[in-house]
Amino acid sequence: MKIKLSGHHVDISDGVKQYVDEKFSKISSHFPTLISLDIIIAKEHGEYEVEIRTNYEGSKISASSNDPVMYPALAKAAKKLDAALSHRKGHLKGKLHEKPTVTTPEIAHEIIQEMDLT
C-alpha cells in the first residue's frame, strides 16, 4: 500500500513516517485491495488536524481527527478509518448474501399445487 504523507505547517520527520507505517500496516493487512492513502497533517490554532482519504472498492472514504498532540491525532484518525473501511466491507459482503429473486411465474406454482403427486 502506498502512503502519501504531507504536512501543512508541520515538518514530517522520519519518526512520524515510521509511526504512520506502523499504524497503517494493520489496515493494509486487513484490506489488501487498498491501493493508497493520502494523509494530510496540519497544525492550526495549536491543534493538529489529521485527514486521511482513500478509495476502497469504488467509494471514497475519509476520516479526520483533531488533538493538541500529533500522535494521538494520527491514532484516532487511523481508528476511524479502520471502522469506515470495515463498514464498507460489510456492505460489500452483505450484497453477496442477498436472497435470490423468484424467477418462476406464479402460475407454475399454482399448477404444481393442483397436481396429485402421490
N, C-alpha and C. Protein backbone atom coordinates (compact mmCIF):
# COMPACT_ATOMS: atom_id res chain seq x y z
N MET A 1 0.85 -1.17 0.00
CA MET A 1 0.00 0.00 0.00
C MET A 1 0.90 1.23 0.00
N LYS A 2 0.55 2.18 -0.83
CA LYS A 2 1.31 3.41 -0.95
C LYS A 2 0.70 4.46 -0.02
N ILE A 3 1.55 5.11 0.77
CA ILE A 3 1.08 6.15 1.69
C ILE A 3 1.70 7.47 1.27
N LYS A 4 0.85 8.43 0.93
CA LYS A 4 1.31 9.77 0.58
C LYS A 4 1.08 10.65 1.80
N LEU A 5 2.17 11.06 2.44
CA LEU A 5 2.12 11.82 3.68
C LEU A 5 2.56 13.25 3.40
N SER A 6 1.72 14.21 3.77
CA SER A 6 2.07 15.61 3.58
C SER A 6 1.70 16.41 4.82
N GLY A 7 2.41 17.53 5.01
CA GLY A 7 2.17 18.36 6.17
C GLY A 7 1.91 19.79 5.80
N HIS A 8 1.04 20.43 6.55
CA HIS A 8 0.71 21.84 6.36
C HIS A 8 1.08 22.54 7.66
N HIS A 9 2.11 23.35 7.63
CA HIS A 9 2.68 24.00 8.81
C HIS A 9 3.27 22.96 9.78
N VAL A 10 3.63 21.80 9.26
CA VAL A 10 4.20 20.72 10.07
C VAL A 10 5.35 20.11 9.28
N ASP A 11 6.48 19.88 9.96
CA ASP A 11 7.59 19.16 9.33
C ASP A 11 7.37 17.68 9.54
N ILE A 12 7.45 16.91 8.45
CA ILE A 12 7.26 15.47 8.53
C ILE A 12 8.64 14.84 8.70
N SER A 13 8.93 14.36 9.90
CA SER A 13 10.24 13.76 10.18
C SER A 13 10.20 12.26 9.93
N ASP A 14 11.37 11.63 10.04
CA ASP A 14 11.44 10.18 9.85
C ASP A 14 10.67 9.43 10.94
N GLY A 15 10.65 9.99 12.15
CA GLY A 15 9.90 9.37 13.24
C GLY A 15 8.40 9.34 12.96
N VAL A 16 7.90 10.41 12.38
CA VAL A 16 6.48 10.48 12.03
C VAL A 16 6.17 9.47 10.92
N LYS A 17 7.05 9.39 9.92
CA LYS A 17 6.86 8.43 8.84
C LYS A 17 6.84 7.00 9.36
N GLN A 18 7.75 6.70 10.29
CA GLN A 18 7.81 5.36 10.86
C GLN A 18 6.54 5.06 11.67
N TYR A 19 6.07 6.03 12.44
CA TYR A 19 4.85 5.86 13.23
C TYR A 19 3.65 5.60 12.32
N VAL A 20 3.56 6.36 11.21
CA VAL A 20 2.46 6.19 10.26
C VAL A 20 2.53 4.79 9.64
N ASP A 21 3.72 4.34 9.26
CA ASP A 21 3.87 3.00 8.69
C ASP A 21 3.42 1.92 9.67
N GLU A 22 3.75 2.07 10.95
CA GLU A 22 3.34 1.10 11.97
C GLU A 22 1.83 1.09 12.14
N LYS A 23 1.23 2.28 12.21
CA LYS A 23 -0.21 2.38 12.43
C LYS A 23 -1.02 1.80 11.27
N PHE A 24 -0.55 2.03 10.06
CA PHE A 24 -1.35 1.63 8.91
C PHE A 24 -0.95 0.28 8.33
N SER A 25 0.01 -0.40 8.95
CA SER A 25 0.35 -1.75 8.49
C SER A 25 -0.80 -2.72 8.80
N LYS A 26 -1.49 -2.51 9.91
CA LYS A 26 -2.64 -3.34 10.27
C LYS A 26 -3.77 -3.16 9.24
N ILE A 27 -4.01 -1.92 8.86
CA ILE A 27 -5.07 -1.64 7.89
C ILE A 27 -4.73 -2.26 6.54
N SER A 28 -3.46 -2.19 6.15
CA SER A 28 -3.09 -2.77 4.85
C SER A 28 -3.20 -4.28 4.86
N SER A 29 -3.01 -4.93 6.02
CA SER A 29 -3.17 -6.38 6.07
C SER A 29 -4.64 -6.78 6.10
N HIS A 30 -5.50 -5.97 6.71
CA HIS A 30 -6.93 -6.28 6.76
C HIS A 30 -7.64 -6.02 5.44
N PHE A 31 -7.14 -5.04 4.70
CA PHE A 31 -7.77 -4.65 3.44
C PHE A 31 -6.71 -4.68 2.33
N PRO A 32 -6.40 -5.87 1.80
CA PRO A 32 -5.31 -5.98 0.82
C PRO A 32 -5.59 -5.30 -0.52
N THR A 33 -6.85 -5.02 -0.84
CA THR A 33 -7.17 -4.36 -2.11
C THR A 33 -7.02 -2.84 -2.02
N LEU A 34 -6.70 -2.35 -0.83
CA LEU A 34 -6.48 -0.92 -0.64
C LEU A 34 -5.16 -0.53 -1.30
N ILE A 35 -5.21 0.41 -2.23
CA ILE A 35 -4.01 0.74 -3.01
C ILE A 35 -3.21 1.87 -2.37
N SER A 36 -3.87 2.96 -1.99
CA SER A 36 -3.11 4.09 -1.48
C SER A 36 -3.92 4.87 -0.43
N LEU A 37 -3.17 5.61 0.38
CA LEU A 37 -3.75 6.50 1.38
C LEU A 37 -3.14 7.88 1.19
N ASP A 38 -3.95 8.91 1.30
CA ASP A 38 -3.47 10.29 1.30
C ASP A 38 -3.68 10.83 2.71
N ILE A 39 -2.57 11.13 3.40
CA ILE A 39 -2.64 11.61 4.77
C ILE A 39 -2.12 13.05 4.81
N ILE A 40 -2.94 13.94 5.36
CA ILE A 40 -2.55 15.35 5.49
C ILE A 40 -2.56 15.69 6.98
N ILE A 41 -1.41 16.16 7.46
CA ILE A 41 -1.28 16.59 8.85
C ILE A 41 -1.12 18.11 8.84
N ALA A 42 -2.02 18.80 9.51
CA ALA A 42 -1.97 20.26 9.55
C ALA A 42 -2.00 20.72 11.01
N LYS A 43 -1.36 21.85 11.25
CA LYS A 43 -1.41 22.43 12.59
C LYS A 43 -2.00 23.83 12.48
N GLU A 44 -3.17 23.98 13.10
CA GLU A 44 -3.84 25.27 13.10
C GLU A 44 -4.39 25.56 14.48
N HIS A 45 -4.14 26.75 14.96
CA HIS A 45 -4.63 27.21 16.26
C HIS A 45 -4.19 26.28 17.40
N GLY A 46 -2.97 25.77 17.33
CA GLY A 46 -2.43 24.95 18.40
C GLY A 46 -2.91 23.51 18.40
N GLU A 47 -3.69 23.10 17.42
CA GLU A 47 -4.17 21.72 17.34
C GLU A 47 -3.72 21.09 16.04
N TYR A 48 -3.44 19.81 16.12
CA TYR A 48 -3.10 19.05 14.92
C TYR A 48 -4.37 18.47 14.33
N GLU A 49 -4.53 18.64 13.04
CA GLU A 49 -5.65 18.07 12.32
C GLU A 49 -5.12 17.04 11.35
N VAL A 50 -5.62 15.82 11.44
CA VAL A 50 -5.20 14.74 10.55
C VAL A 50 -6.38 14.35 9.69
N GLU A 51 -6.17 14.34 8.39
CA GLU A 51 -7.21 13.93 7.45
C GLU A 51 -6.65 12.82 6.57
N ILE A 52 -7.41 11.75 6.45
CA ILE A 52 -6.99 10.59 5.65
C ILE A 52 -8.07 10.35 4.59
N ARG A 53 -7.63 10.19 3.34
CA ARG A 53 -8.56 9.91 2.24
C ARG A 53 -8.07 8.70 1.47
N THR A 54 -9.03 7.91 0.98
CA THR A 54 -8.69 6.76 0.15
C THR A 54 -9.90 6.37 -0.68
N ASN A 55 -9.66 5.53 -1.66
CA ASN A 55 -10.72 4.90 -2.44
C ASN A 55 -10.70 3.42 -2.12
N TYR A 56 -11.86 2.86 -1.78
CA TYR A 56 -11.93 1.44 -1.46
C TYR A 56 -13.14 0.84 -2.16
N GLU A 57 -12.89 -0.06 -3.07
CA GLU A 57 -13.93 -0.81 -3.79
C GLU A 57 -14.99 0.12 -4.39
N GLY A 58 -14.53 1.20 -5.03
CA GLY A 58 -15.45 2.06 -5.74
C GLY A 58 -16.06 3.20 -4.97
N SER A 59 -15.70 3.39 -3.72
CA SER A 59 -16.25 4.52 -2.98
C SER A 59 -15.13 5.26 -2.25
N LYS A 60 -15.32 6.56 -2.13
CA LYS A 60 -14.33 7.39 -1.45
C LYS A 60 -14.60 7.35 0.05
N ILE A 61 -13.54 7.11 0.80
CA ILE A 61 -13.67 7.03 2.26
C ILE A 61 -12.66 7.99 2.86
N SER A 62 -13.10 8.75 3.86
CA SER A 62 -12.20 9.67 4.54
C SER A 62 -12.46 9.63 6.04
N ALA A 63 -11.42 10.00 6.78
CA ALA A 63 -11.52 10.07 8.24
C ALA A 63 -10.65 11.24 8.69
N SER A 64 -11.07 11.91 9.74
CA SER A 64 -10.30 13.04 10.24
C SER A 64 -10.35 13.07 11.76
N SER A 65 -9.36 13.73 12.34
CA SER A 65 -9.28 13.80 13.79
C SER A 65 -8.50 15.05 14.20
N ASN A 66 -8.80 15.58 15.39
CA ASN A 66 -8.10 16.74 15.95
C ASN A 66 -7.58 16.37 17.33
N ASP A 67 -6.38 16.90 17.67
CA ASP A 67 -5.83 16.70 19.00
C ASP A 67 -4.69 17.71 19.19
N PRO A 68 -4.44 18.15 20.43
CA PRO A 68 -3.30 19.06 20.66
C PRO A 68 -1.94 18.39 20.40
N VAL A 69 -1.89 17.05 20.45
CA VAL A 69 -0.64 16.31 20.20
C VAL A 69 -0.81 15.52 18.91
N MET A 70 0.26 15.45 18.10
CA MET A 70 0.14 14.86 16.77
C MET A 70 -0.11 13.35 16.80
N TYR A 71 0.60 12.61 17.62
CA TYR A 71 0.50 11.15 17.59
C TYR A 71 -0.89 10.62 17.99
N PRO A 72 -1.52 11.16 19.05
CA PRO A 72 -2.90 10.73 19.32
C PRO A 72 -3.87 11.10 18.21
N ALA A 73 -3.63 12.22 17.53
CA ALA A 73 -4.50 12.60 16.41
C ALA A 73 -4.37 11.58 15.29
N LEU A 74 -3.14 11.12 15.01
CA LEU A 74 -2.94 10.09 14.00
C LEU A 74 -3.61 8.78 14.40
N ALA A 75 -3.50 8.41 15.67
CA ALA A 75 -4.10 7.16 16.15
C ALA A 75 -5.62 7.20 16.05
N LYS A 76 -6.23 8.33 16.42
CA LYS A 76 -7.68 8.46 16.34
C LYS A 76 -8.16 8.39 14.89
N ALA A 77 -7.45 9.06 13.98
CA ALA A 77 -7.83 9.03 12.57
C ALA A 77 -7.68 7.63 12.00
N ALA A 78 -6.64 6.91 12.40
CA ALA A 78 -6.45 5.54 11.93
C ALA A 78 -7.58 4.63 12.41
N LYS A 79 -8.00 4.83 13.64
CA LYS A 79 -9.10 4.03 14.19
C LYS A 79 -10.40 4.32 13.45
N LYS A 80 -10.66 5.59 13.15
CA LYS A 80 -11.87 5.96 12.41
C LYS A 80 -11.84 5.40 11.00
N LEU A 81 -10.66 5.43 10.36
CA LEU A 81 -10.54 4.89 9.00
C LEU A 81 -10.78 3.39 9.01
N ASP A 82 -10.23 2.70 9.99
CA ASP A 82 -10.44 1.25 10.10
C ASP A 82 -11.93 0.93 10.25
N ALA A 83 -12.63 1.71 11.07
CA ALA A 83 -14.06 1.50 11.26
C ALA A 83 -14.84 1.77 9.96
N ALA A 84 -14.48 2.82 9.24
CA ALA A 84 -15.17 3.15 7.99
C ALA A 84 -14.92 2.08 6.92
N LEU A 85 -13.69 1.58 6.85
CA LEU A 85 -13.38 0.53 5.88
C LEU A 85 -14.11 -0.76 6.22
N SER A 86 -14.19 -1.09 7.51
CA SER A 86 -14.92 -2.29 7.93
C SER A 86 -16.40 -2.17 7.59
N HIS A 87 -16.95 -0.97 7.77
CA HIS A 87 -18.35 -0.73 7.44
C HIS A 87 -18.60 -0.94 5.95
N ARG A 88 -17.70 -0.41 5.12
CA ARG A 88 -17.83 -0.58 3.67
C ARG A 88 -17.69 -2.04 3.28
N LYS A 89 -16.75 -2.73 3.91
CA LYS A 89 -16.55 -4.15 3.61
C LYS A 89 -17.79 -4.95 3.98
N GLY A 90 -18.45 -4.58 5.07
CA GLY A 90 -19.70 -5.23 5.46
C GLY A 90 -20.79 -5.03 4.44
N HIS A 91 -20.87 -3.82 3.89
CA HIS A 91 -21.86 -3.56 2.83
C HIS A 91 -21.60 -4.44 1.62
N LEU A 92 -20.33 -4.57 1.25
CA LEU A 92 -19.99 -5.37 0.07
C LEU A 92 -20.29 -6.84 0.30
N LYS A 93 -19.99 -7.34 1.49
CA LYS A 93 -20.27 -8.75 1.79
C LYS A 93 -21.76 -8.99 1.94
N GLY A 94 -22.50 -8.01 2.44
CA GLY A 94 -23.94 -8.15 2.60
C GLY A 94 -24.65 -8.31 1.28
N LYS A 95 -24.13 -7.67 0.26
CA LYS A 95 -24.75 -7.78 -1.06
C LYS A 95 -24.53 -9.16 -1.66
N LEU A 96 -23.51 -9.86 -1.21
CA LEU A 96 -23.26 -11.21 -1.71
C LEU A 96 -24.29 -12.20 -1.19
N HIS A 97 -24.89 -11.88 -0.05
CA HIS A 97 -25.79 -12.82 0.60
C HIS A 97 -27.26 -12.43 0.46
N GLU A 98 -27.58 -11.65 -0.53
CA GLU A 98 -28.98 -11.29 -0.74
C GLU A 98 -29.77 -12.51 -1.18
N LYS A 99 -31.03 -12.53 -0.83
CA LYS A 99 -31.89 -13.63 -1.24
C LYS A 99 -32.12 -13.55 -2.74
N PRO A 100 -32.12 -14.68 -3.41
CA PRO A 100 -32.35 -14.66 -4.86
C PRO A 100 -33.80 -14.32 -5.16
N THR A 101 -34.02 -13.71 -6.28
CA THR A 101 -35.38 -13.38 -6.68
C THR A 101 -36.02 -14.61 -7.33
N VAL A 102 -37.29 -14.74 -7.20
CA VAL A 102 -38.02 -15.87 -7.77
C VAL A 102 -38.17 -15.64 -9.26
N THR A 103 -37.74 -16.62 -10.02
CA THR A 103 -37.80 -16.48 -11.47
C THR A 103 -38.98 -17.22 -12.08
N THR A 104 -39.60 -18.12 -11.32
CA THR A 104 -40.75 -18.85 -11.86
C THR A 104 -42.00 -18.01 -11.71
N PRO A 105 -42.83 -18.01 -12.68
CA PRO A 105 -44.08 -17.24 -12.56
C PRO A 105 -45.02 -17.89 -11.53
N GLU A 106 -45.94 -17.11 -11.04
CA GLU A 106 -46.88 -17.60 -10.03
C GLU A 106 -47.79 -18.69 -10.58
N ILE A 107 -48.03 -18.68 -11.84
CA ILE A 107 -48.91 -19.68 -12.44
C ILE A 107 -48.31 -21.07 -12.29
N ALA A 108 -47.01 -21.21 -12.48
CA ALA A 108 -46.36 -22.51 -12.34
C ALA A 108 -46.52 -23.03 -10.92
N HIS A 109 -46.44 -22.16 -9.94
CA HIS A 109 -46.61 -22.56 -8.55
C HIS A 109 -48.03 -23.10 -8.32
N GLU A 110 -49.02 -22.44 -8.89
CA GLU A 110 -50.40 -22.88 -8.73
C GLU A 110 -50.63 -24.23 -9.42
N ILE A 111 -50.01 -24.45 -10.56
CA ILE A 111 -50.16 -25.73 -11.27
C ILE A 111 -49.57 -26.87 -10.46
N ILE A 112 -48.43 -26.63 -9.84
CA ILE A 112 -47.80 -27.67 -9.03
C ILE A 112 -48.66 -28.00 -7.81
N GLN A 113 -49.30 -27.00 -7.23
CA GLN A 113 -50.17 -27.22 -6.09
C GLN A 113 -51.38 -28.08 -6.47
N GLU A 114 -51.88 -27.93 -7.66
CA GLU A 114 -53.06 -28.67 -8.10
C GLU A 114 -52.72 -30.11 -8.50
N MET A 115 -51.47 -30.40 -8.77
CA MET A 115 -51.08 -31.75 -9.22
C MET A 115 -51.17 -32.75 -8.08
N ASP A 116 -51.54 -33.96 -8.43
CA ASP A 116 -51.60 -35.04 -7.45
C ASP A 116 -50.29 -35.82 -7.56
N LEU A 117 -49.38 -35.58 -6.60
CA LEU A 117 -48.05 -36.18 -6.66
C LEU A 117 -47.92 -37.49 -5.89
N THR A 118 -49.04 -38.06 -5.45
CA THR A 118 -48.97 -39.31 -4.70
C THR A 118 -49.08 -40.52 -5.57
